[in-house]
PDB file of N, CA and C in Angstrom:
ATOM      1  N   MET A   1       8.156  17.511  -6.631  1.00  0.00           N
ATOM      2  CA  MET A   1       8.208  16.175  -7.207  1.00  0.00           C
ATOM      3  C   MET A   1       7.573  16.231  -8.587  1.00  0.00           C
ATOM      4  N   ASN A   2       8.168  15.501  -9.521  1.00  0.00           N
ATOM      5  CA  ASN A   2       7.563  15.413 -10.841  1.00  0.00           C
ATOM      6  C   ASN A   2       6.757  14.112 -10.949  1.00  0.00           C
ATOM      7  N   LYS A   3       6.020  13.982 -12.041  1.00  0.00           N
ATOM      8  CA  LYS A   3       5.111  12.852 -12.203  1.00  0.00           C
ATOM      9  C   LYS A   3       5.857  11.522 -12.265  1.00  0.00           C
ATOM     10  N   ASP A   4       7.010  11.494 -12.923  1.00  0.00           N
ATOM     11  CA  ASP A   4       7.769  10.241 -13.008  1.00  0.00           C
ATOM     12  C   ASP A   4       8.203   9.758 -11.626  1.00  0.00           C
ATOM     13  N   LEU A   5       8.729  10.679 -10.821  1.00  0.00           N
ATOM     14  CA  LEU A   5       9.139  10.306  -9.461  1.00  0.00           C
ATOM     15  C   LEU A   5       7.930   9.900  -8.629  1.00  0.00           C
ATOM     16  N   ALA A   6       6.820  10.607  -8.804  1.00  0.00           N
ATOM     17  CA  ALA A   6       5.597  10.257  -8.081  1.00  0.00           C
ATOM     18  C   ALA A   6       5.171   8.827  -8.401  1.00  0.00           C
ATOM     19  N   SER A   7       5.268   8.441  -9.652  1.00  0.00           N
ATOM     20  CA  SER A   7       4.910   7.080 -10.058  1.00  0.00           C
ATOM     21  C   SER A   7       5.839   6.051  -9.414  1.00  0.00           C
ATOM     22  N   ILE A   8       7.125   6.368  -9.348  1.00  0.00           N
ATOM     23  CA  ILE A   8       8.092   5.466  -8.704  1.00  0.00           C
ATOM     24  C   ILE A   8       7.782   5.324  -7.218  1.00  0.00           C
ATOM     25  N   VAL A   9       7.479   6.437  -6.559  1.00  0.00           N
ATOM     26  CA  VAL A   9       7.155   6.399  -5.129  1.00  0.00           C
ATOM     27  C   VAL A   9       5.892   5.580  -4.898  1.00  0.00           C
ATOM     28  N   LEU A  10       4.854   5.805  -5.710  1.00  0.00           N
ATOM     29  CA  LEU A  10       3.617   5.033  -5.564  1.00  0.00           C
ATOM     30  C   LEU A  10       3.859   3.543  -5.767  1.00  0.00           C
ATOM     31  N   SER A  11       4.680   3.205  -6.713  1.00  0.00           N
ATOM     32  CA  SER A  11       5.012   1.805  -6.943  1.00  0.00           C
ATOM     33  C   SER A  11       5.652   1.199  -5.702  1.00  0.00           C
ATOM     34  N   SER A  12       6.576   1.923  -5.131  1.00  0.00           N
ATOM     35  CA  SER A  12       7.273   1.435  -3.937  1.00  0.00           C
ATOM     36  C   SER A  12       6.341   1.341  -2.731  1.00  0.00           C
ATOM     37  N   THR A  13       5.514   2.360  -2.517  1.00  0.00           N
ATOM     38  CA  THR A  13       4.624   2.317  -1.364  1.00  0.00           C
ATOM     39  C   THR A  13       3.571   1.223  -1.516  1.00  0.00           C
ATOM     40  N   ASN A  14       3.106   0.991  -2.734  1.00  0.00           N
ATOM     41  CA  ASN A  14       2.138  -0.082  -2.952  1.00  0.00           C
ATOM     42  C   ASN A  14       2.758  -1.453  -2.695  1.00  0.00           C
ATOM     43  N   ARG A  15       3.990  -1.645  -3.150  1.00  0.00           N
ATOM     44  CA  ARG A  15       4.672  -2.912  -2.873  1.00  0.00           C
ATOM     45  C   ARG A  15       4.904  -3.084  -1.376  1.00  0.00           C
ATOM     46  N   SER A  16       5.326  -2.020  -0.715  1.00  0.00           N
ATOM     47  CA  SER A  16       5.592  -2.093   0.724  1.00  0.00           C
ATOM     48  C   SER A  16       4.325  -2.414   1.505  1.00  0.00           C
ATOM     49  N   ALA A  17       3.243  -1.730   1.189  1.00  0.00           N
ATOM     50  CA  ALA A  17       1.980  -1.984   1.884  1.00  0.00           C
ATOM     51  C   ALA A  17       1.501  -3.410   1.620  1.00  0.00           C
ATOM     52  N   GLY A  18       1.679  -3.880   0.404  1.00  0.00           N
ATOM     53  CA  GLY A  18       1.288  -5.249   0.069  1.00  0.00           C
ATOM     54  C   GLY A  18       2.108  -6.281   0.829  1.00  0.00           C
ATOM     55  N   GLU A  19       3.399  -6.040   0.942  1.00  0.00           N
ATOM     56  CA  GLU A  19       4.265  -6.950   1.700  1.00  0.00           C
ATOM     57  C   GLU A  19       3.841  -6.991   3.167  1.00  0.00           C
ATOM     58  N   LEU A  20       3.567  -5.834   3.739  1.00  0.00           N
ATOM     59  CA  LEU A  20       3.139  -5.788   5.135  1.00  0.00           C
ATOM     60  C   LEU A  20       1.811  -6.510   5.322  1.00  0.00           C
ATOM     61  N   ALA A  21       0.872  -6.267   4.426  1.00  0.00           N
ATOM     62  CA  ALA A  21      -0.436  -6.925   4.523  1.00  0.00           C
ATOM     63  C   ALA A  21      -0.315  -8.433   4.377  1.00  0.00           C
ATOM     64  N   SER A  22       0.638  -8.887   3.576  1.00  0.00           N
ATOM     65  CA  SER A  22       0.786 -10.332   3.358  1.00  0.00           C
ATOM     66  C   SER A  22       1.290 -11.059   4.607  1.00  0.00           C
ATOM     67  N   LEU A  23       1.810 -10.315   5.573  1.00  0.00           N
ATOM     68  CA  LEU A  23       2.268 -10.936   6.822  1.00  0.00           C
ATOM     69  C   LEU A  23       1.111 -11.333   7.738  1.00  0.00           C
ATOM     70  N   ILE A  24      -0.014 -10.689   7.588  1.00  0.00           N
ATOM     71  CA  ILE A  24      -1.120 -10.872   8.528  1.00  0.00           C
ATOM     72  C   ILE A  24      -1.605 -12.322   8.599  1.00  0.00           C
ATOM     73  N   PRO A  25      -1.849 -13.021   7.484  1.00  0.00           N
ATOM     74  CA  PRO A  25      -2.284 -14.420   7.605  1.00  0.00           C
ATOM     75  C   PRO A  25      -1.250 -15.310   8.305  1.00  0.00           C
ATOM     76  N   MET A  26       0.025 -15.065   8.048  1.00  0.00           N
ATOM     77  CA  MET A  26       1.071 -15.852   8.693  1.00  0.00           C
ATOM     78  C   MET A  26       1.083 -15.586  10.197  1.00  0.00           C
ATOM     79  N   LEU A  27       0.934 -14.337  10.573  1.00  0.00           N
ATOM     80  CA  LEU A  27       0.898 -13.997  11.998  1.00  0.00           C
ATOM     81  C   LEU A  27      -0.295 -14.658  12.680  1.00  0.00           C
ATOM     82  N   LYS A  28      -1.431 -14.667  11.998  1.00  0.00           N
ATOM     83  CA  LYS A  28      -2.628 -15.281  12.573  1.00  0.00           C
ATOM     84  C   LYS A  28      -2.412 -16.772  12.809  1.00  0.00           C
ATOM     85  N   GLU A  29      -1.709 -17.387  11.898  1.00  0.00           N
ATOM     86  CA  GLU A  29      -1.462 -18.822  11.981  1.00  0.00           C
ATOM     87  C   GLU A  29      -0.495 -19.177  13.117  1.00  0.00           C
ATOM     88  N   VAL A  30       0.470 -18.327  13.385  1.00  0.00           N
ATOM     89  CA  VAL A  30       1.564 -18.670  14.287  1.00  0.00           C
ATOM     90  C   VAL A  30       1.426 -18.056  15.683  1.00  0.00           C
ATOM     91  N   CYS A  31       0.908 -16.838  15.763  1.00  0.00           N
ATOM     92  CA  CYS A  31       0.912 -16.101  17.031  1.00  0.00           C
ATOM     93  C   CYS A  31      -0.297 -16.433  17.899  1.00  0.00           C
ATOM     94  N   GLU A  32      -0.116 -16.230  19.180  1.00  0.00           N
ATOM     95  CA  GLU A  32      -1.255 -16.263  20.100  1.00  0.00           C
ATOM     96  C   GLU A  32      -2.184 -15.105  19.733  1.00  0.00           C
ATOM     97  N   ASP A  33      -3.465 -15.239  20.071  1.00  0.00           N
ATOM     98  CA  ASP A  33      -4.459 -14.263  19.630  1.00  0.00           C
ATOM     99  C   ASP A  33      -4.127 -12.838  20.055  1.00  0.00           C
ATOM    100  N   ALA A  34      -3.735 -12.633  21.294  1.00  0.00           N
ATOM    101  CA  ALA A  34      -3.444 -11.274  21.769  1.00  0.00           C
ATOM    102  C   ALA A  34      -2.285 -10.657  20.995  1.00  0.00           C
ATOM    103  N   GLU A  35      -1.246 -11.445  20.767  1.00  0.00           N
ATOM    104  CA  GLU A  35      -0.100 -10.941  20.017  1.00  0.00           C
ATOM    105  C   GLU A  35      -0.494 -10.667  18.567  1.00  0.00           C
ATOM    106  N   TYR A  36      -1.255 -11.569  18.000  1.00  0.00           N
ATOM    107  CA  TYR A  36      -1.728 -11.394  16.629  1.00  0.00           C
ATOM    108  C   TYR A  36      -2.530 -10.104  16.491  1.00  0.00           C
ATOM    109  N   GLN A  37      -3.467  -9.884  17.388  1.00  0.00           N
ATOM    110  CA  GLN A  37      -4.300  -8.680  17.329  1.00  0.00           C
ATOM    111  C   GLN A  37      -3.448  -7.419  17.413  1.00  0.00           C
ATOM    112  N   GLU A  38      -2.463  -7.433  18.298  1.00  0.00           N
ATOM    113  CA  GLU A  38      -1.587  -6.274  18.462  1.00  0.00           C
ATOM    114  C   GLU A  38      -0.771  -6.014  17.189  1.00  0.00           C
ATOM    115  N   LEU A  39      -0.195  -7.059  16.646  1.00  0.00           N
ATOM    116  CA  LEU A  39       0.612  -6.910  15.443  1.00  0.00           C
ATOM    117  C   LEU A  39      -0.240  -6.538  14.235  1.00  0.00           C
ATOM    118  N   LYS A  40      -1.407  -7.132  14.132  1.00  0.00           N
ATOM    119  CA  LYS A  40      -2.314  -6.814  13.027  1.00  0.00           C
ATOM    120  C   LYS A  40      -2.688  -5.338  13.053  1.00  0.00           C
ATOM    121  N   MET A  41      -2.998  -4.822  14.222  1.00  0.00           N
ATOM    122  CA  MET A  41      -3.358  -3.408  14.340  1.00  0.00           C
ATOM    123  C   MET A  41      -2.160  -2.505  14.040  1.00  0.00           C
ATOM    124  N   ALA A  42      -0.978  -2.909  14.469  1.00  0.00           N
ATOM    125  CA  ALA A  42       0.224  -2.128  14.174  1.00  0.00           C
ATOM    126  C   ALA A  42       0.477  -2.073  12.672  1.00  0.00           C
ATOM    127  N   LEU A  43       0.361  -3.212  12.001  1.00  0.00           N
ATOM    128  CA  LEU A  43       0.558  -3.252  10.557  1.00  0.00           C
ATOM    129  C   LEU A  43      -0.509  -2.429   9.836  1.00  0.00           C
ATOM    130  N   ALA A  44      -1.737  -2.530  10.289  1.00  0.00           N
ATOM    131  CA  ALA A  44      -2.814  -1.741   9.681  1.00  0.00           C
ATOM    132  C   ALA A  44      -2.544  -0.249   9.833  1.00  0.00           C
ATOM    133  N   SER A  45      -2.016   0.145  10.973  1.00  0.00           N
ATOM    134  CA  SER A  45      -1.697   1.546  11.216  1.00  0.00           C
ATOM    135  C   SER A  45      -0.587   2.024  10.270  1.00  0.00           C
ATOM    136  N   ILE A  46       0.416   1.194  10.082  1.00  0.00           N
ATOM    137  CA  ILE A  46       1.515   1.549   9.179  1.00  0.00           C
ATOM    138  C   ILE A  46       1.006   1.671   7.743  1.00  0.00           C
ATOM    139  N   ILE A  47       0.194   0.707   7.324  1.00  0.00           N
ATOM    140  CA  ILE A  47      -0.365   0.744   5.967  1.00  0.00           C
ATOM    141  C   ILE A  47      -1.233   1.987   5.780  1.00  0.00           C
ATOM    142  N   SER A  48      -2.002   2.323   6.791  1.00  0.00           N
ATOM    143  CA  SER A  48      -2.833   3.526   6.745  1.00  0.00           C
ATOM    144  C   SER A  48      -1.962   4.781   6.645  1.00  0.00           C
ATOM    145  N   ASP A  49      -0.882   4.829   7.410  1.00  0.00           N
ATOM    146  CA  ASP A  49       0.031   5.973   7.340  1.00  0.00           C
ATOM    147  C   ASP A  49       0.631   6.114   5.949  1.00  0.00           C
ATOM    148  N   ILE A  50       1.008   5.006   5.340  1.00  0.00           N
ATOM    149  CA  ILE A  50       1.554   5.058   3.981  1.00  0.00           C
ATOM    150  C   ILE A  50       0.529   5.708   3.052  1.00  0.00           C
ATOM    151  N   TRP A  51      -0.720   5.300   3.177  1.00  0.00           N
ATOM    152  CA  TRP A  51      -1.762   5.857   2.314  1.00  0.00           C
ATOM    153  C   TRP A  51      -1.966   7.354   2.573  1.00  0.00           C
ATOM    154  N   PHE A  52      -2.203   7.718   3.839  1.00  0.00           N
ATOM    155  CA  PHE A  52      -2.559   9.104   4.139  1.00  0.00           C
ATOM    156  C   PHE A  52      -1.378  10.063   4.058  1.00  0.00           C
ATOM    157  N   ARG A  53      -0.188   9.608   4.397  1.00  0.00           N
ATOM    158  CA  ARG A  53       0.965  10.513   4.416  1.00  0.00           C
ATOM    159  C   ARG A  53       1.706  10.586   3.088  1.00  0.00           C
ATOM    160  N   VAL A  54       1.558   9.567   2.255  1.00  0.00           N
ATOM    161  CA  VAL A  54       2.325   9.544   1.007  1.00  0.00           C
ATOM    162  C   VAL A  54       1.393   9.431  -0.203  1.00  0.00           C
ATOM    163  N   ASP A  55       0.724   8.296  -0.346  1.00  0.00           N
ATOM    164  CA  ASP A  55      -0.062   8.028  -1.556  1.00  0.00           C
ATOM    165  C   ASP A  55      -1.129   9.080  -1.808  1.00  0.00           C
ATOM    166  N   LYS A  56      -1.889   9.415  -0.793  1.00  0.00           N
ATOM    167  CA  LYS A  56      -2.988  10.376  -0.948  1.00  0.00           C
ATOM    168  C   LYS A  56      -2.457  11.724  -1.432  1.00  0.00           C
ATOM    169  N   ARG A  57      -1.361  12.163  -0.846  1.00  0.00           N
ATOM    170  CA  ARG A  57      -0.767  13.446  -1.251  1.00  0.00           C
ATOM    171  C   ARG A  57      -0.326  13.415  -2.717  1.00  0.00           C
ATOM    172  N   ILE A  58       0.309  12.315  -3.106  1.00  0.00           N
ATOM    173  CA  ILE A  58       0.758  12.200  -4.496  1.00  0.00           C
ATOM    174  C   ILE A  58      -0.432  12.202  -5.442  1.00  0.00           C
ATOM    175  N   LEU A  59      -1.465  11.444  -5.103  1.00  0.00           N
ATOM    176  CA  LEU A  59      -2.626  11.359  -5.989  1.00  0.00           C
ATOM    177  C   LEU A  59      -3.407  12.668  -6.040  1.00  0.00           C
ATOM    178  N   GLU A  60      -3.322  13.462  -4.979  1.00  0.00           N
ATOM    179  CA  GLU A  60      -3.936  14.789  -5.021  1.00  0.00           C
ATOM    180  C   GLU A  60      -3.151  15.706  -5.956  1.00  0.00           C
ATOM    181  N   GLN A  61      -1.834  15.549  -5.973  1.00  0.00           N
ATOM    182  CA  GLN A  61      -0.987  16.367  -6.837  1.00  0.00           C
ATOM    183  C   GLN A  61      -1.038  15.894  -8.291  1.00  0.00           C
ATOM    184  N   PHE A  62      -1.163  14.571  -8.485  1.00  0.00           N
ATOM    185  CA  PHE A  62      -1.175  13.985  -9.831  1.00  0.00           C
ATOM    186  C   PHE A  62      -2.383  13.045  -9.956  1.00  0.00           C
ATOM    187  N   PRO A  63      -3.592  13.602 -10.043  1.00  0.00           N
ATOM    188  CA  PRO A  63      -4.795  12.757 -10.056  1.00  0.00           C
ATOM    189  C   PRO A  63      -4.858  11.778 -11.222  1.00  0.00           C
ATOM    190  N   ASP A  64      -4.196  12.094 -12.321  1.00  0.00           N
ATOM    191  CA  ASP A  64      -4.225  11.184 -13.466  1.00  0.00           C
ATOM    192  C   ASP A  64      -3.461   9.894 -13.196  1.00  0.00           C
ATOM    193  N   LEU A  65      -2.575   9.883 -12.202  1.00  0.00           N
ATOM    194  CA  LEU A  65      -1.857   8.649 -11.863  1.00  0.00           C
ATOM    195  C   LEU A  65      -2.804   7.566 -11.364  1.00  0.00           C
ATOM    196  N   GLU A  66      -3.840   7.959 -10.650  1.00  0.00           N
ATOM    197  CA  GLU A  66      -4.804   6.961 -10.159  1.00  0.00           C
ATOM    198  C   GLU A  66      -5.517   6.288 -11.330  1.00  0.00           C
ATOM    199  N   ARG A  67      -5.903   7.065 -12.313  1.00  0.00           N
ATOM    200  CA  ARG A  67      -6.550   6.494 -13.497  1.00  0.00           C
ATOM    201  C   ARG A  67      -5.584   5.566 -14.238  1.00  0.00           C
ATOM    202  N   GLU A  68      -4.336   5.986 -14.352  1.00  0.00           N
ATOM    203  CA  GLU A  68      -3.336   5.157 -15.022  1.00  0.00           C
ATOM    204  C   GLU A  68      -3.113   3.845 -14.269  1.00  0.00           C
ATOM    205  N   MET A  69      -3.067   3.919 -12.937  1.00  0.00           N
ATOM    206  CA  MET A  69      -2.903   2.696 -12.137  1.00  0.00           C
ATOM    207  C   MET A  69      -4.090   1.776 -12.314  1.00  0.00           C
ATOM    208  N   ASN A  70      -5.293   2.327 -12.303  1.00  0.00           N
ATOM    209  CA  ASN A  70      -6.499   1.506 -12.473  1.00  0.00           C
ATOM    210  C   ASN A  70      -6.561   0.887 -13.864  1.00  0.00           C
ATOM    211  N   ASP A  71      -6.145   1.643 -14.876  1.00  0.00           N
ATOM    212  CA  ASP A  71      -6.099   1.095 -16.236  1.00  0.00           C
ATOM    213  C   ASP A  71      -5.135  -0.087 -16.304  1.00  0.00           C
ATOM    214  N   ARG A  72      -3.949   0.063 -15.675  1.00  0.00           N
ATOM    215  CA  ARG A  72      -2.971  -1.029 -15.653  1.00  0.00           C
ATOM    216  C   ARG A  72      -3.519  -2.238 -14.897  1.00  0.00           C
ATOM    217  N   LEU A  73      -4.205  -1.967 -13.789  1.00  0.00           N
ATOM    218  CA  LEU A  73      -4.778  -3.047 -12.996  1.00  0.00           C
ATOM    219  C   LEU A  73      -5.802  -3.820 -13.824  1.00  0.00           C
ATOM    220  N   ASN A  74      -6.643  -3.111 -14.543  1.00  0.00           N
ATOM    221  CA  ASN A  74      -7.646  -3.776 -15.377  1.00  0.00           C
ATOM    222  C   ASN A  74      -7.008  -4.540 -16.531  1.00  0.00           C
ATOM    223  N   LYS A  75      -5.953  -3.996 -17.087  1.00  0.00           N
ATOM    224  CA  LYS A  75      -5.328  -4.618 -18.251  1.00  0.00           C
ATOM    225  C   LYS A  75      -4.407  -5.776 -17.880  1.00  0.00           C
ATOM    226  N   TYR A  76      -3.596  -5.591 -16.816  1.00  0.00           N
ATOM    227  CA  TYR A  76      -2.565  -6.565 -16.487  1.00  0.00           C
ATOM    228  C   TYR A  76      -2.754  -7.279 -15.145  1.00  0.00           C
ATOM    229  N   GLY A  77      -3.759  -6.835 -14.383  1.00  0.00           N
ATOM    230  CA  GLY A  77      -3.985  -7.463 -13.084  1.00  0.00           C
ATOM    231  C   GLY A  77      -3.076  -6.942 -11.975  1.00  0.00           C
ATOM    232  N   ARG A  78      -2.347  -5.868 -12.260  1.00  0.00           N
ATOM    233  CA  ARG A  78      -1.491  -5.242 -11.249  1.00  0.00           C
ATOM    234  C   ARG A  78      -1.343  -3.764 -11.575  1.00  0.00           C
ATOM    235  N   LYS A  79      -1.098  -2.968 -10.524  1.00  0.00           N
ATOM    236  CA  LYS A  79      -1.019  -1.522 -10.703  1.00  0.00           C
ATOM    237  C   LYS A  79       0.306  -1.069 -11.294  1.00  0.00           C
ATOM    238  N   PHE A  80       1.378  -1.796 -10.962  1.00  0.00           N
ATOM    239  CA  PHE A  80       2.712  -1.371 -11.412  1.00  0.00           C
ATOM    240  C   PHE A  80       3.441  -2.527 -12.043  1.00  0.00           C
TER     241      PHE A  80
END
């Protein structure tokens, strides 16, 4: 993988993880507690897998991407 593709993948995984995380408040509002807890843990597991299986590997290969993302976050309020 080259750096440009790595940046595209990170952008996609960050959006995906954010979308999944944004479901949690809605689930809490609508679901019974047991169902909510189960779904919340499932979503957390998926988000964790995205980080450990994809993002972490990319950032280990291209450590400067993390600095670039943080610079963008500080400047524009978003990573991508």
